[in-house]
């Protein structure tokens, strides 16, 4: 696997207790979904991959460079992060919020160039929030704010996007629209480069649209495979204690998820 981000024997302690146990995982270009029951360590692993979570052991590498040793400005250009329930300022407009995503590339004091403006506009179109450009964040619903925050992440143009519960507050049609967007973002670009999009998700039908799924349980990665893998299906059924059943869909690698009786 041509990994662009790699965790090697990563340990994380919170409150004196291990919450990640020597996790080793490779993040390849494309869309990777991280799933698992509550308390499995999904968000903690994502923060560790972003270089935002101190490690008790192991390392996270990006193209051979230790992520936690990167200067913050360089890390911000290479890794974009969307926190679960990300913070917003109600005093900013939608456009101003999305423009903050350009700080990683242009610095804090430089004015927006024409290219910056085009990137911001494209990010807003991709997340369907262009029509609210002049509205204040306090005027938006939770789902609408979530789409604005995702646009801010896209505006960074970072090659690695780490998104913690990006479908929070979204209705079913917009969850599906985001799944399609993740797949587009993970496709090779005109110059041949390819992003890595990593999403922590509770919605398993959405997660099973990804290129690769990492299954976590009790601070460990217990499976990592394509959604079509029978081993992955068994791992999902096991970690969710038989509450789900995963079945292949004829004619493709996608799978269907149904509640077990």
Protein backbone atom coordinates (compact mmCIF):
# COMPACT_ATOMS: atom_id res chain seq x y z
CA UNK A 1 0.00 0.00 0.00
CA UNK A 2 1.26 3.46 -0.92
CA UNK A 3 0.42 5.08 2.43
CA UNK A 4 0.38 8.86 2.72
CA UNK A 5 -0.24 8.74 6.48
CA UNK A 6 0.80 5.99 8.85
CA UNK A 7 0.35 5.29 12.56
CA UNK A 8 3.05 3.04 14.00
CA UNK A 9 2.42 1.43 17.39
CA UNK A 10 0.54 4.53 18.54
CA UNK A 11 -0.45 4.66 22.20
CA UNK A 12 -2.58 7.38 23.74
CA UNK A 13 -3.39 7.81 27.42
CA UNK A 14 -6.23 9.90 28.81
CA UNK A 15 -6.68 10.25 32.54
CA UNK A 16 -3.88 7.77 33.14
CA UNK A 17 -5.57 5.03 31.12
CA UNK A 18 -4.64 3.72 27.68
CA UNK A 19 -7.33 4.57 25.13
CA UNK A 20 -5.27 3.54 22.08
CA UNK A 21 -3.27 0.33 22.38
CA UNK A 22 -0.27 0.17 20.02
CA UNK A 23 -2.39 1.04 16.98
CA UNK A 24 -0.76 0.52 13.59
CA UNK A 25 -2.72 1.72 10.58
CA UNK A 26 -1.92 2.91 7.07
CA UNK A 27 -3.99 5.59 5.36
CA UNK A 28 -3.75 5.33 1.59
CA UNK A 29 -4.94 7.87 -0.99
CA UNK A 30 -8.70 7.59 -1.42
CA UNK A 31 -11.53 7.57 1.09
CA UNK A 32 -11.08 5.71 4.37
CA UNK A 33 -13.93 5.42 6.89
CA UNK A 34 -13.24 4.67 10.56
CA UNK A 35 -16.10 2.95 12.38
CA UNK A 36 -16.75 1.18 15.66
CA UNK A 37 -18.92 1.29 18.77
CA UNK A 38 -18.93 4.22 21.18
CA UNK A 39 -15.69 4.49 23.12
CA UNK A 40 -13.69 2.49 20.57
CA UNK A 41 -11.09 5.28 20.16
CA UNK A 42 -12.11 6.52 16.71
CA UNK A 43 -11.94 10.25 17.41
CA UNK A 44 -8.77 9.83 19.46
CA UNK A 45 -7.08 8.05 16.56
CA UNK A 46 -8.16 10.83 14.19
CA UNK A 47 -6.70 13.48 16.51
CA UNK A 48 -3.48 11.47 16.72
CA UNK A 49 -3.29 11.27 12.92
CA UNK A 50 -3.76 15.06 12.79
CA UNK A 51 -0.88 15.63 15.21
CA UNK A 52 -3.28 17.20 17.72
CA UNK A 53 -3.23 14.41 20.31
CA UNK A 54 -0.07 13.87 22.41
CA UNK A 55 1.23 10.31 22.16
CA UNK A 56 2.30 8.02 24.97
CA UNK A 57 4.16 5.88 22.46
CA UNK A 58 4.69 5.26 18.77
CA UNK A 59 4.68 7.77 15.93
CA UNK A 60 2.52 9.12 13.11
CA UNK A 61 4.35 9.60 9.82
CA UNK A 62 3.41 11.49 6.67
CA UNK A 63 5.64 10.72 3.71
CA UNK A 64 8.42 9.72 6.09
CA UNK A 65 8.12 12.81 8.32
CA UNK A 66 6.88 12.66 11.91
CA UNK A 67 3.61 14.57 12.00
CA UNK A 68 3.96 15.63 15.64
CA UNK A 69 7.39 17.14 14.87
CA UNK A 70 6.13 19.27 11.97
CA UNK A 71 5.93 23.03 12.51
CA UNK A 72 2.27 23.94 12.94
CA UNK A 73 2.07 26.05 9.73
CA UNK A 74 3.47 23.19 7.64
CA UNK A 75 1.13 20.66 9.25
CA UNK A 76 -1.84 22.97 8.58
CA UNK A 77 -0.95 23.08 4.89
CA UNK A 78 -0.73 19.32 4.64
CA UNK A 79 -3.45 18.07 7.00
CA UNK A 80 -6.91 19.66 7.32
CA UNK A 81 -8.99 18.82 10.38
CA UNK A 82 -12.72 19.02 11.05
CA UNK A 83 -13.55 18.42 14.70
CA UNK A 84 -16.73 16.77 15.87
CA UNK A 85 -19.13 19.63 16.59
CA UNK A 86 -16.56 22.10 15.25
CA UNK A 87 -16.43 25.58 16.76
CA UNK A 88 -17.89 28.54 14.89
CA UNK A 89 -18.12 32.26 15.46
CA UNK A 90 -21.62 33.63 15.04
CA UNK A 91 -20.23 37.07 14.13
CA UNK A 92 -18.76 35.81 10.86
CA UNK A 93 -20.62 35.37 7.62
CA UNK A 94 -20.59 32.07 5.77
CA UNK A 95 -18.12 33.38 3.20
CA UNK A 96 -15.82 34.81 5.89
CA UNK A 97 -15.85 31.47 7.71
CA UNK A 98 -14.90 29.53 4.58
CA UNK A 99 -12.18 32.08 3.78
CA UNK A 100 -10.49 31.15 7.07
CA UNK A 101 -9.55 27.90 5.37
CA UNK A 102 -7.11 29.82 3.17
CA UNK A 103 -4.99 30.96 6.15
CA UNK A 104 -2.99 27.72 6.02
CA UNK A 105 -1.89 28.49 2.46
CA UNK A 106 -1.59 32.31 2.42
CA UNK A 107 -0.83 33.19 6.06
CA UNK A 108 -2.82 35.31 8.46
CA UNK A 109 -2.09 38.80 7.13
CA UNK A 110 -2.16 38.42 3.35
CA UNK A 111 -5.26 39.53 1.49
CA UNK A 112 -7.20 37.05 -0.62
CA UNK A 113 -5.98 36.62 -4.18
CA UNK A 114 -8.19 35.79 -7.14
CA UNK A 115 -7.11 32.15 -6.79
CA UNK A 116 -8.08 32.18 -3.10
CA UNK A 117 -11.51 33.57 -3.98
CA UNK A 118 -12.00 30.86 -6.63
CA UNK A 119 -11.02 28.11 -4.18
CA UNK A 120 -13.46 29.47 -1.58
CA UNK A 121 -16.27 29.67 -4.14
CA UNK A 122 -15.58 26.12 -5.32
CA UNK A 123 -15.62 24.79 -1.74
CA UNK A 124 -18.95 26.48 -1.10
CA UNK A 125 -20.45 25.08 -4.28
CA UNK A 126 -19.26 21.59 -3.39
CA UNK A 127 -21.01 21.72 -0.02
CA UNK A 128 -24.09 23.53 -1.33
CA UNK A 129 -23.78 26.60 0.88
CA UNK A 130 -23.15 29.30 -1.75
CA UNK A 131 -26.64 30.75 -1.45
CA UNK A 132 -26.01 31.62 2.22
CA UNK A 133 -22.71 33.43 1.59
CA UNK A 134 -23.75 36.68 3.31
CA UNK A 135 -25.66 35.10 6.21
CA UNK A 136 -24.28 34.93 9.75
CA UNK A 137 -23.61 31.52 11.24
CA UNK A 138 -26.08 32.25 14.05
CA UNK A 139 -28.83 32.31 11.41
CA UNK A 140 -28.12 28.76 10.23
CA UNK A 141 -29.32 25.37 11.42
CA UNK A 142 -26.90 22.80 12.80
CA UNK A 143 -26.80 20.94 9.49
CA UNK A 144 -26.20 24.13 7.53
CA UNK A 145 -23.33 25.14 9.83
CA UNK A 146 -21.80 21.70 9.41
CA UNK A 147 -21.73 22.16 5.63
CA UNK A 148 -20.05 25.56 6.06
CA UNK A 149 -17.38 24.04 8.31
CA UNK A 150 -16.74 21.32 5.75
CA UNK A 151 -16.37 24.00 3.07
CA UNK A 152 -13.76 25.68 5.28
CA UNK A 153 -11.81 22.42 5.40
CA UNK A 154 -12.03 21.98 1.62
CA UNK A 155 -10.76 25.53 1.12
CA UNK A 156 -7.41 24.57 2.68
CA UNK A 157 -6.57 22.44 -0.40
CA UNK A 158 -4.68 20.12 1.96
CA UNK A 159 -3.79 16.69 0.54
CA UNK A 160 -5.07 14.95 3.71
CA UNK A 161 -8.56 15.66 5.08
CA UNK A 162 -9.42 14.28 8.54
CA UNK A 163 -13.14 14.65 9.28
CA UNK A 164 -14.69 13.66 12.62
CA UNK A 165 -18.40 12.91 12.19
CA UNK A 166 -18.84 15.20 9.16
CA UNK A 167 -22.46 14.06 8.65
CA UNK A 168 -23.58 15.24 12.12
CA UNK A 169 -26.87 17.20 12.00
CA UNK A 170 -27.37 16.42 8.30
CA UNK A 171 -30.55 14.90 6.91
CA UNK A 172 -30.42 11.73 4.80
CA UNK A 173 -30.23 13.45 1.37
CA UNK A 174 -27.31 15.62 2.45
CA UNK A 175 -25.55 12.64 4.07
CA UNK A 176 -25.73 10.84 0.73
CA UNK A 177 -24.58 14.00 -1.07
CA UNK A 178 -21.54 14.18 1.24
CA UNK A 179 -20.72 10.53 0.55
CA UNK A 180 -20.65 11.35 -3.16
CA UNK A 181 -18.49 14.40 -2.42
CA UNK A 182 -15.98 12.30 -0.43
CA UNK A 183 -15.67 9.93 -3.37
CA UNK A 184 -15.08 12.86 -5.76
CA UNK A 185 -12.51 14.41 -3.44
CA UNK A 186 -10.65 11.11 -3.26
CA UNK A 187 -10.36 10.78 -7.04
CA UNK A 188 -7.03 11.59 -8.75
CA UNK A 189 -6.76 15.26 -9.69
CA UNK A 190 -5.65 16.73 -13.02
CA UNK A 191 -1.99 16.68 -11.97
CA UNK A 192 -2.26 13.02 -10.92
CA UNK A 193 -2.16 13.77 -7.19
CA UNK A 194 -4.76 12.12 -4.97
CA UNK A 195 -6.10 13.20 -1.60
CA UNK A 196 -6.59 11.01 1.42
CA UNK A 197 -10.02 11.59 2.93
CA UNK A 198 -10.51 10.02 6.38
CA UNK A 199 -13.92 10.15 8.04
CA UNK A 200 -15.02 8.94 11.45
CA UNK A 201 -18.64 7.85 10.97
CA UNK A 202 -21.43 6.32 13.02
CA UNK A 203 -23.62 5.88 9.94
CA UNK A 204 -22.51 2.46 8.67
CA UNK A 205 -24.38 2.57 5.32
CA UNK A 206 -22.46 5.77 4.50
CA UNK A 207 -19.16 4.36 5.77
CA UNK A 208 -19.57 1.27 3.59
CA UNK A 209 -19.42 3.48 0.50
CA UNK A 210 -15.75 4.26 1.25
CA UNK A 211 -12.76 2.72 -0.52
CA UNK A 212 -11.53 1.21 2.73
CA UNK A 213 -12.98 0.74 6.21
CA UNK A 214 -11.08 0.59 9.50
CA UNK A 215 -12.99 -1.11 12.31
CA UNK A 216 -12.05 -0.20 15.88
CA UNK A 217 -12.90 -1.79 19.20
CA UNK A 218 -11.58 -0.96 22.67
CA UNK A 219 -8.72 1.18 21.39
CA UNK A 220 -7.51 -1.27 18.75
CA UNK A 221 -7.91 -1.61 14.99
CA UNK A 222 -9.49 -5.05 14.55
CA UNK A 223 -10.03 -4.97 10.78
CA UNK A 224 -9.03 -2.87 7.78
CA UNK A 225 -10.30 -3.85 4.34
CA UNK A 226 -12.51 -2.91 1.41
CA UNK A 227 -16.28 -2.83 2.04
CA UNK A 228 -16.63 -6.01 -0.03
CA UNK A 229 -14.42 -8.08 2.27
CA UNK A 230 -16.20 -10.93 4.10
CA UNK A 231 -13.66 -10.57 6.91
CA UNK A 232 -14.71 -6.94 7.31
CA UNK A 233 -18.38 -7.94 7.37
CA UNK A 234 -17.70 -10.46 10.15
CA UNK A 235 -15.67 -7.90 12.12
CA UNK A 236 -18.52 -5.36 11.92
CA UNK A 237 -21.07 -7.91 13.07
CA UNK A 238 -18.77 -8.94 15.92
CA UNK A 239 -17.89 -5.48 17.29
CA UNK A 240 -21.54 -4.40 17.13
CA UNK A 241 -22.49 -7.59 18.96
CA UNK A 242 -24.80 -8.95 16.30
CA UNK A 243 -26.91 -5.77 16.08
CA UNK A 244 -26.07 -5.40 12.39
CA UNK A 245 -25.92 -7.74 9.44
CA UNK A 246 -23.79 -6.89 6.39
CA UNK A 247 -24.54 -8.45 3.00
CA UNK A 248 -22.89 -8.00 -0.41
CA UNK A 249 -24.84 -6.18 -3.09
CA UNK A 250 -24.86 -8.08 -6.40
CA UNK A 251 -22.73 -6.57 -9.13
CA UNK A 252 -20.32 -4.47 -7.10
CA UNK A 253 -18.15 -3.94 -4.08
CA UNK A 254 -20.77 -1.96 -2.17
CA UNK A 255 -22.69 -3.63 0.63
CA UNK A 256 -26.08 -3.28 2.28
CA UNK A 257 -26.59 -3.01 6.00
CA UNK A 258 -29.67 -4.20 7.86
CA UNK A 259 -30.64 -4.45 11.51
CA UNK A 260 -30.60 -7.97 12.82
CA UNK A 261 -33.79 -9.35 14.37
